[in-house]
Amino acid sequence: MRSSGKYGDQWIVPGGKVDFGETMIAGLKREIREETNLELVKINFKGVRELIEPTRHFIFLEFSATASNPDQVVLNNESTEYGWFRKSQLKDLNIAKPTLELIDERWE
């Protein structure tokens, strides 16, 4: 999805924080549902990655999944548009660094 501010207008993957008392999978499903209206199934853990910046430290828990309703995307205010892309189509997009690293390291 194209960010509406946090990452300028760069393309990012949806995601967010795990709430206190929430499992990783429950947090993943909630964040994706809140940001895109998608319902995830066939969720697979892919790994952990860190991004340390001068004022922020992110720990990314990375998953692959299938959406049971891919034709029912409804974006919240965190993004302005979405798209489904093949890897060969990504070279023309302005992709945020964390998402670019995710693609480079985890895309099968």
N, C-alpha and C. Protein backbone atom coordinates (compact mmCIF):
# COMPACT_ATOMS: atom_id res chain seq x y z
N MET A 1 0.84 -1.17 0.00
CA MET A 1 0.00 0.00 0.00
C MET A 1 0.89 1.23 0.00
N ARG A 2 0.37 2.33 -0.49
CA ARG A 2 1.12 3.58 -0.51
C ARG A 2 0.83 4.35 0.79
N SER A 3 1.88 4.66 1.51
CA SER A 3 1.76 5.33 2.80
C SER A 3 1.13 6.71 2.64
N SER A 4 0.37 7.13 3.65
CA SER A 4 -0.23 8.46 3.64
C SER A 4 0.54 9.45 4.50
N GLY A 5 1.74 9.09 4.93
CA GLY A 5 2.47 10.07 5.72
C GLY A 5 3.68 9.54 6.46
N LYS A 6 3.54 8.47 7.20
CA LYS A 6 4.64 7.96 8.01
C LYS A 6 5.88 7.69 7.17
N TYR A 7 5.68 7.19 5.98
CA TYR A 7 6.78 6.94 5.04
C TYR A 7 6.61 7.80 3.79
N GLY A 8 6.17 9.02 3.96
CA GLY A 8 5.93 9.89 2.81
C GLY A 8 4.84 9.28 1.96
N ASP A 9 5.10 9.17 0.67
CA ASP A 9 4.14 8.49 -0.21
C ASP A 9 4.75 7.21 -0.76
N GLN A 10 5.71 6.66 -0.03
CA GLN A 10 6.36 5.42 -0.47
C GLN A 10 5.43 4.23 -0.27
N TRP A 11 5.73 3.16 -0.99
CA TRP A 11 4.98 1.91 -0.86
C TRP A 11 5.53 1.12 0.32
N ILE A 12 4.62 0.54 1.11
CA ILE A 12 4.97 -0.24 2.29
C ILE A 12 4.06 -1.46 2.37
N VAL A 13 4.43 -2.41 3.20
CA VAL A 13 3.51 -3.50 3.52
C VAL A 13 2.75 -3.10 4.79
N PRO A 14 1.50 -3.49 4.93
CA PRO A 14 0.75 -3.15 6.14
C PRO A 14 1.32 -3.90 7.34
N GLY A 15 1.12 -3.34 8.50
CA GLY A 15 1.59 -3.97 9.73
C GLY A 15 1.47 -3.01 10.89
N GLY A 16 1.99 -3.42 12.04
CA GLY A 16 1.92 -2.55 13.21
C GLY A 16 2.37 -3.25 14.45
N LYS A 17 1.95 -2.74 15.57
CA LYS A 17 2.37 -3.22 16.88
C LYS A 17 1.48 -4.34 17.38
N VAL A 18 2.06 -5.20 18.19
CA VAL A 18 1.30 -6.22 18.92
C VAL A 18 0.88 -5.58 20.24
N ASP A 19 -0.39 -5.64 20.56
CA ASP A 19 -0.90 -5.08 21.81
C ASP A 19 -0.53 -5.97 22.98
N PHE A 20 -0.44 -5.39 24.17
CA PHE A 20 -0.16 -6.15 25.38
C PHE A 20 -1.19 -7.27 25.54
N GLY A 21 -0.72 -8.47 25.80
CA GLY A 21 -1.60 -9.62 25.99
C GLY A 21 -2.09 -10.26 24.71
N GLU A 22 -1.67 -9.76 23.57
CA GLU A 22 -2.11 -10.27 22.27
C GLU A 22 -1.02 -11.17 21.70
N THR A 23 -1.39 -12.27 21.09
CA THR A 23 -0.40 -13.12 20.44
C THR A 23 0.08 -12.46 19.15
N MET A 24 1.21 -12.91 18.65
CA MET A 24 1.73 -12.36 17.39
C MET A 24 0.72 -12.53 16.26
N ILE A 25 0.13 -13.71 16.18
CA ILE A 25 -0.82 -13.99 15.09
C ILE A 25 -2.08 -13.13 15.24
N ALA A 26 -2.58 -13.00 16.46
CA ALA A 26 -3.76 -12.15 16.67
C ALA A 26 -3.44 -10.71 16.31
N GLY A 27 -2.25 -10.22 16.68
CA GLY A 27 -1.84 -8.86 16.33
C GLY A 27 -1.72 -8.67 14.84
N LEU A 28 -1.13 -9.65 14.17
CA LEU A 28 -1.00 -9.60 12.71
C LEU A 28 -2.37 -9.50 12.05
N LYS A 29 -3.27 -10.40 12.43
CA LYS A 29 -4.60 -10.40 11.84
C LYS A 29 -5.33 -9.09 12.10
N ARG A 30 -5.24 -8.57 13.32
CA ARG A 30 -5.91 -7.32 13.67
C ARG A 30 -5.36 -6.15 12.87
N GLU A 31 -4.03 -6.02 12.82
CA GLU A 31 -3.42 -4.90 12.09
C GLU A 31 -3.78 -4.93 10.61
N ILE A 32 -3.72 -6.10 10.00
CA ILE A 32 -4.04 -6.20 8.57
C ILE A 32 -5.51 -5.89 8.34
N ARG A 33 -6.37 -6.40 9.21
CA ARG A 33 -7.81 -6.11 9.08
C ARG A 33 -8.07 -4.61 9.25
N GLU A 34 -7.44 -3.96 10.25
CA GLU A 34 -7.64 -2.53 10.48
C GLU A 34 -7.17 -1.69 9.29
N GLU A 35 -6.05 -2.06 8.70
CA GLU A 35 -5.46 -1.25 7.63
C GLU A 35 -5.99 -1.56 6.24
N THR A 36 -6.48 -2.79 6.03
CA THR A 36 -6.86 -3.19 4.67
C THR A 36 -8.20 -3.90 4.55
N ASN A 37 -8.79 -4.31 5.64
CA ASN A 37 -10.02 -5.10 5.65
C ASN A 37 -9.78 -6.56 5.24
N LEU A 38 -8.54 -6.95 5.02
CA LEU A 38 -8.25 -8.32 4.59
C LEU A 38 -8.28 -9.28 5.77
N GLU A 39 -8.78 -10.49 5.53
CA GLU A 39 -8.79 -11.57 6.52
C GLU A 39 -7.72 -12.57 6.11
N LEU A 40 -6.77 -12.82 7.00
CA LEU A 40 -5.63 -13.68 6.68
C LEU A 40 -5.88 -15.13 7.06
N VAL A 41 -5.42 -16.01 6.19
CA VAL A 41 -5.41 -17.45 6.41
C VAL A 41 -4.05 -17.98 5.94
N LYS A 42 -3.77 -19.22 6.22
CA LYS A 42 -2.50 -19.85 5.80
C LYS A 42 -1.31 -18.96 6.16
N ILE A 43 -1.22 -18.63 7.43
CA ILE A 43 -0.17 -17.73 7.93
C ILE A 43 1.08 -18.55 8.25
N ASN A 44 2.22 -18.09 7.74
CA ASN A 44 3.49 -18.76 7.98
C ASN A 44 4.52 -17.77 8.50
N PHE A 45 5.17 -18.10 9.61
CA PHE A 45 6.22 -17.27 10.17
C PHE A 45 7.46 -17.37 9.28
N LYS A 46 8.02 -16.23 8.91
CA LYS A 46 9.18 -16.20 8.01
C LYS A 46 10.47 -15.82 8.71
N GLY A 47 10.39 -15.06 9.80
CA GLY A 47 11.61 -14.68 10.49
C GLY A 47 11.48 -13.37 11.24
N VAL A 48 12.61 -12.95 11.79
CA VAL A 48 12.71 -11.71 12.56
C VAL A 48 13.79 -10.85 11.93
N ARG A 49 13.54 -9.56 11.91
CA ARG A 49 14.53 -8.61 11.37
C ARG A 49 14.47 -7.35 12.22
N GLU A 50 15.62 -6.69 12.39
CA GLU A 50 15.69 -5.44 13.13
C GLU A 50 16.06 -4.29 12.21
N LEU A 51 15.58 -3.13 12.56
CA LEU A 51 15.98 -1.90 11.90
C LEU A 51 16.27 -0.89 13.01
N ILE A 52 17.52 -0.47 13.11
CA ILE A 52 17.92 0.49 14.14
C ILE A 52 18.27 1.80 13.45
N GLU A 53 17.54 2.84 13.82
CA GLU A 53 17.76 4.18 13.30
C GLU A 53 18.19 5.07 14.48
N PRO A 54 18.64 6.28 14.21
CA PRO A 54 19.10 7.14 15.31
C PRO A 54 18.06 7.38 16.42
N THR A 55 16.78 7.44 16.06
CA THR A 55 15.77 7.73 17.08
C THR A 55 14.71 6.64 17.24
N ARG A 56 14.84 5.54 16.48
CA ARG A 56 13.84 4.47 16.55
C ARG A 56 14.51 3.11 16.43
N HIS A 57 13.89 2.11 17.03
CA HIS A 57 14.36 0.73 16.93
C HIS A 57 13.15 -0.15 16.66
N PHE A 58 13.13 -0.77 15.49
CA PHE A 58 12.03 -1.65 15.10
C PHE A 58 12.47 -3.10 15.17
N ILE A 59 11.59 -3.96 15.63
CA ILE A 59 11.78 -5.41 15.53
C ILE A 59 10.61 -5.92 14.70
N PHE A 60 10.92 -6.43 13.51
CA PHE A 60 9.89 -6.90 12.59
C PHE A 60 9.71 -8.40 12.74
N LEU A 61 8.50 -8.83 13.01
CA LEU A 61 8.11 -10.24 12.98
C LEU A 61 7.46 -10.43 11.62
N GLU A 62 8.06 -11.25 10.78
CA GLU A 62 7.63 -11.30 9.39
C GLU A 62 6.90 -12.61 9.08
N PHE A 63 5.81 -12.45 8.34
CA PHE A 63 4.94 -13.57 8.00
C PHE A 63 4.58 -13.50 6.52
N SER A 64 4.22 -14.64 5.98
CA SER A 64 3.52 -14.67 4.70
C SER A 64 2.13 -15.20 5.00
N ALA A 65 1.18 -14.84 4.16
CA ALA A 65 -0.20 -15.26 4.39
C ALA A 65 -0.99 -15.14 3.11
N THR A 66 -2.14 -15.72 3.12
CA THR A 66 -3.10 -15.61 2.03
C THR A 66 -4.31 -14.86 2.55
N ALA A 67 -4.85 -13.98 1.75
CA ALA A 67 -6.08 -13.27 2.12
C ALA A 67 -7.28 -14.07 1.61
N SER A 68 -8.23 -14.31 2.48
CA SER A 68 -9.43 -15.04 2.06
C SER A 68 -10.40 -14.15 1.28
N ASN A 69 -10.18 -12.83 1.32
CA ASN A 69 -11.06 -11.87 0.65
C ASN A 69 -10.25 -10.82 -0.13
N PRO A 70 -9.38 -11.22 -1.03
CA PRO A 70 -8.48 -10.26 -1.69
C PRO A 70 -9.18 -9.20 -2.53
N ASP A 71 -10.42 -9.41 -2.87
CA ASP A 71 -11.15 -8.44 -3.68
C ASP A 71 -11.99 -7.47 -2.82
N GLN A 72 -11.77 -7.48 -1.50
CA GLN A 72 -12.56 -6.64 -0.60
C GLN A 72 -11.69 -5.66 0.19
N VAL A 73 -10.62 -5.15 -0.41
CA VAL A 73 -9.72 -4.23 0.27
C VAL A 73 -10.43 -2.90 0.55
N VAL A 74 -10.34 -2.46 1.80
CA VAL A 74 -10.82 -1.15 2.22
C VAL A 74 -9.70 -0.56 3.06
N LEU A 75 -9.10 0.52 2.59
CA LEU A 75 -7.97 1.12 3.27
C LEU A 75 -8.42 2.07 4.38
N ASN A 76 -7.64 2.10 5.47
CA ASN A 76 -7.89 3.12 6.49
C ASN A 76 -7.06 4.35 6.15
N ASN A 77 -6.91 5.27 7.08
CA ASN A 77 -6.23 6.53 6.80
C ASN A 77 -4.70 6.43 6.75
N GLU A 78 -4.14 5.24 6.97
CA GLU A 78 -2.69 5.09 6.95
C GLU A 78 -2.13 4.94 5.54
N SER A 79 -2.99 4.82 4.55
CA SER A 79 -2.51 4.67 3.17
C SER A 79 -3.50 5.32 2.20
N THR A 80 -3.00 5.53 0.98
CA THR A 80 -3.82 6.22 -0.02
C THR A 80 -4.24 5.33 -1.18
N GLU A 81 -3.51 4.25 -1.40
CA GLU A 81 -3.87 3.30 -2.46
C GLU A 81 -3.19 1.97 -2.19
N TYR A 82 -3.62 0.95 -2.90
CA TYR A 82 -3.02 -0.37 -2.74
C TYR A 82 -2.84 -0.99 -4.11
N GLY A 83 -2.06 -2.05 -4.14
CA GLY A 83 -1.90 -2.80 -5.37
C GLY A 83 -1.40 -4.19 -5.05
N TRP A 84 -1.66 -5.10 -5.97
CA TRP A 84 -1.12 -6.45 -5.91
C TRP A 84 -0.07 -6.52 -7.01
N PHE A 85 1.17 -6.85 -6.68
CA PHE A 85 2.28 -6.76 -7.62
C PHE A 85 3.06 -8.06 -7.72
N ARG A 86 3.58 -8.32 -8.91
CA ARG A 86 4.58 -9.36 -9.11
C ARG A 86 5.94 -8.73 -8.82
N LYS A 87 6.91 -9.54 -8.48
CA LYS A 87 8.23 -9.01 -8.14
C LYS A 87 8.80 -8.19 -9.29
N SER A 88 8.57 -8.61 -10.51
CA SER A 88 9.11 -7.90 -11.67
C SER A 88 8.52 -6.49 -11.82
N GLN A 89 7.39 -6.22 -11.21
CA GLN A 89 6.75 -4.90 -11.29
C GLN A 89 7.25 -3.91 -10.24
N LEU A 90 8.01 -4.37 -9.27
CA LEU A 90 8.39 -3.53 -8.14
C LEU A 90 9.48 -2.51 -8.45
N LYS A 91 10.25 -2.76 -9.50
CA LYS A 91 11.38 -1.87 -9.80
C LYS A 91 10.95 -0.44 -10.10
N ASP A 92 9.71 -0.25 -10.52
CA ASP A 92 9.22 1.08 -10.87
C ASP A 92 8.51 1.79 -9.71
N LEU A 93 8.45 1.15 -8.54
CA LEU A 93 7.75 1.74 -7.40
C LEU A 93 8.75 2.38 -6.43
N ASN A 94 8.33 3.42 -5.76
CA ASN A 94 9.12 4.07 -4.72
C ASN A 94 8.80 3.35 -3.40
N ILE A 95 9.62 2.35 -3.06
CA ILE A 95 9.35 1.47 -1.92
C ILE A 95 10.20 1.91 -0.72
N ALA A 96 9.57 1.98 0.45
CA ALA A 96 10.27 2.35 1.69
C ALA A 96 11.34 1.32 2.02
N LYS A 97 12.43 1.78 2.60
CA LYS A 97 13.58 0.92 2.91
C LYS A 97 13.22 -0.34 3.69
N PRO A 98 12.43 -0.28 4.78
CA PRO A 98 12.10 -1.52 5.49
C PRO A 98 11.36 -2.54 4.62
N THR A 99 10.48 -2.05 3.77
CA THR A 99 9.74 -2.95 2.88
C THR A 99 10.65 -3.51 1.80
N LEU A 100 11.54 -2.69 1.27
CA LEU A 100 12.50 -3.15 0.27
C LEU A 100 13.39 -4.26 0.83
N GLU A 101 13.83 -4.11 2.08
CA GLU A 101 14.65 -5.14 2.71
C GLU A 101 13.85 -6.41 2.93
N LEU A 102 12.59 -6.27 3.30
CA LEU A 102 11.71 -7.43 3.46
C LEU A 102 11.59 -8.19 2.14
N ILE A 103 11.36 -7.48 1.07
CA ILE A 103 11.23 -8.10 -0.25
C ILE A 103 12.53 -8.81 -0.64
N ASP A 104 13.65 -8.14 -0.45
CA ASP A 104 14.94 -8.73 -0.82
C ASP A 104 15.27 -9.97 -0.01
N GLU A 105 14.92 -9.99 1.27
CA GLU A 105 15.30 -11.09 2.15
C GLU A 105 14.30 -12.23 2.19
N ARG A 106 13.01 -11.94 2.00
CA ARG A 106 11.99 -12.95 2.28
C ARG A 106 11.17 -13.40 1.08
N TRP A 107 11.22 -12.70 -0.04
CA TRP A 107 10.37 -13.07 -1.18
C TRP A 107 10.86 -14.39 -1.75
N GLU A 108 9.97 -15.33 -1.83
CA GLU A 108 10.33 -16.66 -2.38
C GLU A 108 9.93 -16.76 -3.83
